[in-house]
């Protein structure tokens, strides 16, 4: 059975605007956000000298976070050992935070490496942290391929930051 799609064509323009022809820091939406202070408005949750965690501005579900290196690199192999360790450490903290804040049945942790793999912003490596629940695919996702988010990004930011672990 094939599914109809409800198109979000606006997203194509957004992705093109923030990614095409911009392989340097100056045009990267992530690099711009990393210059902000943590707040619900910026979506930045926490940052250290090597990595950061922020809200996904276009989440697949409540609690969808992104973890990324501060340095503008596209691939895992471009990370230094210290950057890789910082990225993994923040990813663990992000998973712990969404587990604490949302009590999900599971968590997706993954990366889309490159445009062909589905990366919306392929020039700046980022990992997705997404809480999941048994049966969280409802008729909107199954039939209309549309997701309904029950909370605002500001509410997500407040929940996640309140549950953020000091250190693992």
Foldseek 3Di string as FASTA:
>chain_A
DDADEDDPVVLVVVLCQQAPPDLDLVRHLLLVLVVDDDALVSQWQDDDQFKTKGADPDDPEQLKMKIFTNDFAQDPVPDDPVNVVVSVFVVVQSLQLCCVLPVAPDKDKAWQRDVVSPDSHRRTTMIIIGGHHVPPCDCCCVHHVDDDYPDDSNVSSVSSNVSGDPGD
